[in-house]
Amino acid sequence: MSTIQEGTFRSLFSDTGDGVTTTYSINGAAAGGALYLNGLLQEEYSDYTTSNSVDGKGNPVVDFTFNVAPDNGSKISIYGQPGWVSDSAEFGNLTPLA
């Protein structure tokens, strides 16, 4: 069974590329997300990879690592869900798909 989540997908991060940095970390983010470079949606594994961990306080952390550092001045935006996926107070209703 698949589910959809309502109303929690929002901007988590925005920065400008420097031509060197490849990894951008999002503290307090649930796994996954949508990564945009200069307004274009990037494809996971082809353009970037993600890794999930937990910080010293037990909060989720997602690292987004580009395969090639974004050019200096390029716009990086990441959209996703804050907090843990199991936190029903944060994520609202989960609705099964038919």
N, C-alpha and C. Protein backbone atom coordinates (compact mmCIF):
# COMPACT_ATOMS: atom_id res chain seq x y z
N MET A 1 0.84 -1.17 0.00
CA MET A 1 0.00 0.00 0.00
C MET A 1 0.90 1.24 0.00
N SER A 2 0.55 2.21 -0.79
CA SER A 2 1.26 3.48 -0.84
C SER A 2 0.48 4.53 -0.07
N THR A 3 1.18 5.58 0.34
CA THR A 3 0.49 6.67 1.02
C THR A 3 0.93 8.00 0.45
N ILE A 4 0.11 9.01 0.67
CA ILE A 4 0.50 10.38 0.34
C ILE A 4 0.47 11.18 1.63
N GLN A 5 1.28 12.19 1.71
CA GLN A 5 1.29 13.06 2.87
C GLN A 5 0.81 14.44 2.47
N GLU A 6 0.03 15.05 3.33
CA GLU A 6 -0.62 16.31 3.00
C GLU A 6 0.07 17.51 3.63
N GLY A 7 0.34 18.53 2.83
CA GLY A 7 0.63 19.86 3.34
C GLY A 7 1.94 20.11 4.06
N THR A 8 2.99 19.30 3.85
CA THR A 8 4.21 19.56 4.60
C THR A 8 5.43 19.74 3.73
N PHE A 9 5.31 19.66 2.42
CA PHE A 9 6.45 19.82 1.51
C PHE A 9 6.74 21.30 1.37
N ARG A 10 7.94 21.74 1.81
CA ARG A 10 8.24 23.17 1.79
C ARG A 10 9.75 23.39 1.61
N SER A 11 10.12 24.63 1.40
CA SER A 11 11.52 24.97 1.21
C SER A 11 12.29 24.72 2.51
N LEU A 12 13.37 23.93 2.40
CA LEU A 12 14.21 23.63 3.55
C LEU A 12 15.56 24.32 3.46
N PHE A 13 15.96 24.71 2.24
CA PHE A 13 17.33 25.20 2.06
C PHE A 13 17.43 25.98 0.76
N SER A 14 18.19 27.05 0.81
CA SER A 14 18.48 27.82 -0.39
C SER A 14 19.89 28.39 -0.24
N ASP A 15 20.70 28.27 -1.27
CA ASP A 15 22.08 28.75 -1.21
C ASP A 15 22.55 29.02 -2.63
N THR A 16 23.74 29.56 -2.73
CA THR A 16 24.37 29.84 -4.00
C THR A 16 25.63 28.99 -4.12
N GLY A 17 25.78 28.30 -5.25
CA GLY A 17 26.96 27.48 -5.47
C GLY A 17 28.23 28.32 -5.53
N ASP A 18 29.35 27.69 -5.14
CA ASP A 18 30.64 28.40 -5.18
C ASP A 18 31.64 27.74 -6.13
N GLY A 19 31.20 26.71 -6.84
CA GLY A 19 32.08 26.01 -7.78
C GLY A 19 32.98 24.98 -7.12
N VAL A 20 32.93 24.87 -5.79
CA VAL A 20 33.79 23.94 -5.05
C VAL A 20 32.98 22.97 -4.19
N THR A 21 32.03 23.50 -3.42
CA THR A 21 31.25 22.70 -2.47
C THR A 21 30.33 21.74 -3.21
N THR A 22 30.35 20.47 -2.80
CA THR A 22 29.47 19.47 -3.41
C THR A 22 28.40 18.98 -2.45
N THR A 23 28.61 19.07 -1.13
CA THR A 23 27.66 18.53 -0.17
C THR A 23 26.98 19.64 0.62
N TYR A 24 25.65 19.54 0.70
CA TYR A 24 24.83 20.49 1.44
C TYR A 24 24.01 19.67 2.43
N SER A 25 24.11 20.01 3.71
CA SER A 25 23.44 19.27 4.78
C SER A 25 22.20 20.01 5.25
N ILE A 26 21.14 19.25 5.46
CA ILE A 26 19.89 19.79 5.96
C ILE A 26 19.63 19.16 7.32
N ASN A 27 19.72 19.94 8.38
CA ASN A 27 19.43 19.44 9.72
C ASN A 27 17.94 19.49 9.97
N GLY A 28 17.42 18.46 10.62
CA GLY A 28 16.00 18.42 10.95
C GLY A 28 15.11 18.04 9.79
N ALA A 29 15.67 17.46 8.74
CA ALA A 29 14.88 17.07 7.57
C ALA A 29 14.62 15.58 7.56
N ALA A 30 13.45 15.20 7.07
CA ALA A 30 13.16 13.79 6.86
C ALA A 30 13.93 13.32 5.63
N ALA A 31 14.03 12.02 5.48
CA ALA A 31 14.77 11.46 4.35
C ALA A 31 14.20 11.95 3.03
N GLY A 32 15.08 12.15 2.07
CA GLY A 32 14.67 12.53 0.73
C GLY A 32 14.38 14.00 0.58
N GLY A 33 13.76 14.34 -0.53
CA GLY A 33 13.47 15.72 -0.84
C GLY A 33 13.62 15.94 -2.33
N ALA A 34 13.44 17.15 -2.74
CA ALA A 34 13.59 17.53 -4.14
C ALA A 34 14.67 18.59 -4.24
N LEU A 35 15.67 18.32 -5.04
CA LEU A 35 16.83 19.21 -5.19
C LEU A 35 16.74 19.90 -6.55
N TYR A 36 16.83 21.23 -6.53
CA TYR A 36 16.77 22.03 -7.75
C TYR A 36 18.08 22.79 -7.91
N LEU A 37 18.57 22.84 -9.13
CA LEU A 37 19.74 23.64 -9.46
C LEU A 37 19.34 24.60 -10.56
N ASN A 38 19.41 25.89 -10.27
CA ASN A 38 18.97 26.92 -11.21
C ASN A 38 17.56 26.68 -11.71
N GLY A 39 16.69 26.24 -10.81
CA GLY A 39 15.29 26.02 -11.13
C GLY A 39 14.97 24.70 -11.81
N LEU A 40 15.97 23.88 -12.08
CA LEU A 40 15.74 22.59 -12.73
C LEU A 40 15.83 21.46 -11.71
N LEU A 41 14.80 20.62 -11.66
CA LEU A 41 14.79 19.49 -10.76
C LEU A 41 15.92 18.54 -11.12
N GLN A 42 16.74 18.17 -10.13
CA GLN A 42 17.85 17.26 -10.35
C GLN A 42 17.41 15.83 -10.09
N GLU A 43 18.03 14.88 -10.77
CA GLU A 43 17.67 13.47 -10.65
C GLU A 43 18.64 12.77 -9.70
N GLU A 44 18.07 12.14 -8.67
CA GLU A 44 18.92 11.43 -7.70
C GLU A 44 19.69 10.34 -8.41
N TYR A 45 20.92 10.14 -8.04
CA TYR A 45 21.91 9.20 -8.58
C TYR A 45 22.54 9.71 -9.87
N SER A 46 21.78 10.31 -10.77
CA SER A 46 22.38 10.87 -11.99
C SER A 46 23.09 12.18 -11.70
N ASP A 47 22.47 13.04 -10.86
CA ASP A 47 23.00 14.36 -10.57
C ASP A 47 23.53 14.51 -9.14
N TYR A 48 22.97 13.74 -8.21
CA TYR A 48 23.35 13.85 -6.81
C TYR A 48 22.99 12.55 -6.08
N THR A 49 23.52 12.41 -4.86
CA THR A 49 23.14 11.30 -3.98
C THR A 49 22.76 11.88 -2.62
N THR A 50 22.05 11.10 -1.82
CA THR A 50 21.71 11.52 -0.48
C THR A 50 22.20 10.48 0.52
N SER A 51 22.43 10.94 1.73
CA SER A 51 22.71 10.03 2.84
C SER A 51 22.01 10.59 4.07
N ASN A 52 21.56 9.69 4.92
CA ASN A 52 20.80 10.07 6.11
C ASN A 52 21.58 9.71 7.35
N SER A 53 21.50 10.57 8.35
CA SER A 53 22.15 10.29 9.62
C SER A 53 21.35 10.99 10.73
N VAL A 54 21.88 10.89 11.93
CA VAL A 54 21.26 11.53 13.08
C VAL A 54 22.34 12.33 13.79
N ASP A 55 22.03 13.58 14.17
CA ASP A 55 23.03 14.38 14.87
C ASP A 55 23.13 13.96 16.33
N GLY A 56 23.99 14.58 17.10
CA GLY A 56 24.22 14.24 18.49
C GLY A 56 23.02 14.41 19.40
N LYS A 57 22.00 15.11 18.92
CA LYS A 57 20.79 15.32 19.72
C LYS A 57 19.64 14.43 19.26
N GLY A 58 19.91 13.51 18.33
CA GLY A 58 18.87 12.60 17.84
C GLY A 58 18.02 13.17 16.73
N ASN A 59 18.40 14.30 16.15
CA ASN A 59 17.65 14.92 15.07
C ASN A 59 18.11 14.38 13.72
N PRO A 60 17.19 14.21 12.77
CA PRO A 60 17.58 13.71 11.45
C PRO A 60 18.40 14.73 10.67
N VAL A 61 19.34 14.23 9.87
CA VAL A 61 20.17 15.05 8.99
C VAL A 61 20.22 14.36 7.64
N VAL A 62 20.02 15.12 6.57
CA VAL A 62 20.15 14.60 5.21
C VAL A 62 21.27 15.36 4.51
N ASP A 63 22.22 14.64 3.94
CA ASP A 63 23.28 15.24 3.12
C ASP A 63 22.94 15.04 1.65
N PHE A 64 22.92 16.12 0.89
CA PHE A 64 22.74 16.07 -0.55
C PHE A 64 24.10 16.33 -1.17
N THR A 65 24.63 15.38 -1.93
CA THR A 65 25.96 15.51 -2.52
C THR A 65 25.87 15.50 -4.04
N PHE A 66 26.19 16.64 -4.66
CA PHE A 66 26.23 16.72 -6.12
C PHE A 66 27.37 15.88 -6.66
N ASN A 67 27.18 15.27 -7.82
CA ASN A 67 28.26 14.54 -8.49
C ASN A 67 29.35 15.49 -8.95
N VAL A 68 28.96 16.72 -9.32
CA VAL A 68 29.88 17.77 -9.74
C VAL A 68 29.45 19.05 -9.02
N ALA A 69 30.41 19.77 -8.45
CA ALA A 69 30.07 21.00 -7.72
C ALA A 69 29.32 21.98 -8.62
N PRO A 70 28.22 22.55 -8.12
CA PRO A 70 27.50 23.56 -8.89
C PRO A 70 28.39 24.78 -9.18
N ASP A 71 28.23 25.35 -10.35
CA ASP A 71 29.02 26.52 -10.75
C ASP A 71 28.85 27.67 -9.78
N ASN A 72 29.88 28.50 -9.69
CA ASN A 72 29.83 29.69 -8.87
C ASN A 72 28.64 30.56 -9.28
N GLY A 73 27.82 30.93 -8.31
CA GLY A 73 26.67 31.78 -8.58
C GLY A 73 25.39 31.03 -8.92
N SER A 74 25.45 29.71 -9.08
CA SER A 74 24.24 28.96 -9.38
C SER A 74 23.35 28.87 -8.15
N LYS A 75 22.04 28.75 -8.36
CA LYS A 75 21.08 28.73 -7.27
C LYS A 75 20.72 27.29 -6.92
N ILE A 76 20.86 26.96 -5.62
CA ILE A 76 20.55 25.62 -5.12
C ILE A 76 19.35 25.74 -4.19
N SER A 77 18.33 24.94 -4.43
CA SER A 77 17.13 24.93 -3.59
C SER A 77 16.76 23.50 -3.28
N ILE A 78 16.40 23.25 -2.01
CA ILE A 78 15.97 21.91 -1.60
C ILE A 78 14.62 22.05 -0.92
N TYR A 79 13.68 21.23 -1.36
CA TYR A 79 12.34 21.20 -0.79
C TYR A 79 12.12 19.81 -0.21
N GLY A 80 11.42 19.74 0.92
CA GLY A 80 11.17 18.45 1.54
C GLY A 80 10.28 18.59 2.75
N GLN A 81 10.39 17.60 3.63
CA GLN A 81 9.56 17.55 4.82
C GLN A 81 10.43 17.65 6.06
N PRO A 82 10.11 18.55 6.95
CA PRO A 82 10.87 18.68 8.18
C PRO A 82 10.51 17.58 9.17
N GLY A 83 11.43 17.23 10.04
CA GLY A 83 11.15 16.27 11.12
C GLY A 83 11.15 14.83 10.66
N TRP A 84 10.73 13.95 11.55
CA TRP A 84 10.66 12.52 11.27
C TRP A 84 9.37 12.19 10.55
N VAL A 85 9.41 11.23 9.65
CA VAL A 85 8.22 10.82 8.91
C VAL A 85 7.15 10.28 9.84
N SER A 86 7.54 9.64 10.93
CA SER A 86 6.56 9.05 11.85
C SER A 86 5.92 10.07 12.79
N ASP A 87 6.32 11.31 12.75
CA ASP A 87 5.78 12.33 13.63
C ASP A 87 4.45 12.83 13.08
N SER A 88 3.35 12.19 13.49
CA SER A 88 2.05 12.51 12.90
C SER A 88 1.62 13.94 13.18
N ALA A 89 2.07 14.53 14.29
CA ALA A 89 1.71 15.91 14.58
C ALA A 89 2.33 16.85 13.55
N GLU A 90 3.52 16.53 13.06
CA GLU A 90 4.21 17.36 12.07
C GLU A 90 3.69 17.11 10.67
N PHE A 91 3.36 15.87 10.36
CA PHE A 91 3.08 15.51 8.98
C PHE A 91 1.61 15.45 8.61
N GLY A 92 0.72 15.56 9.55
CA GLY A 92 -0.69 15.55 9.22
C GLY A 92 -1.19 14.17 8.84
N ASN A 93 -2.21 14.11 8.03
CA ASN A 93 -2.86 12.86 7.68
C ASN A 93 -2.10 12.10 6.61
N LEU A 94 -2.01 10.79 6.79
CA LEU A 94 -1.48 9.91 5.74
C LEU A 94 -2.68 9.23 5.09
N THR A 95 -2.81 9.37 3.80
CA THR A 95 -3.96 8.84 3.09
C THR A 95 -3.53 7.72 2.16
N PRO A 96 -4.04 6.49 2.35
CA PRO A 96 -3.69 5.39 1.45
C PRO A 96 -4.14 5.69 0.01
N LEU A 97 -3.30 5.31 -0.94
CA LEU A 97 -3.66 5.43 -2.34
C LEU A 97 -4.40 4.18 -2.77
N ALA A 98 -5.36 4.32 -3.64
CA ALA A 98 -6.12 3.16 -4.12
C ALA A 98 -5.28 2.30 -5.03
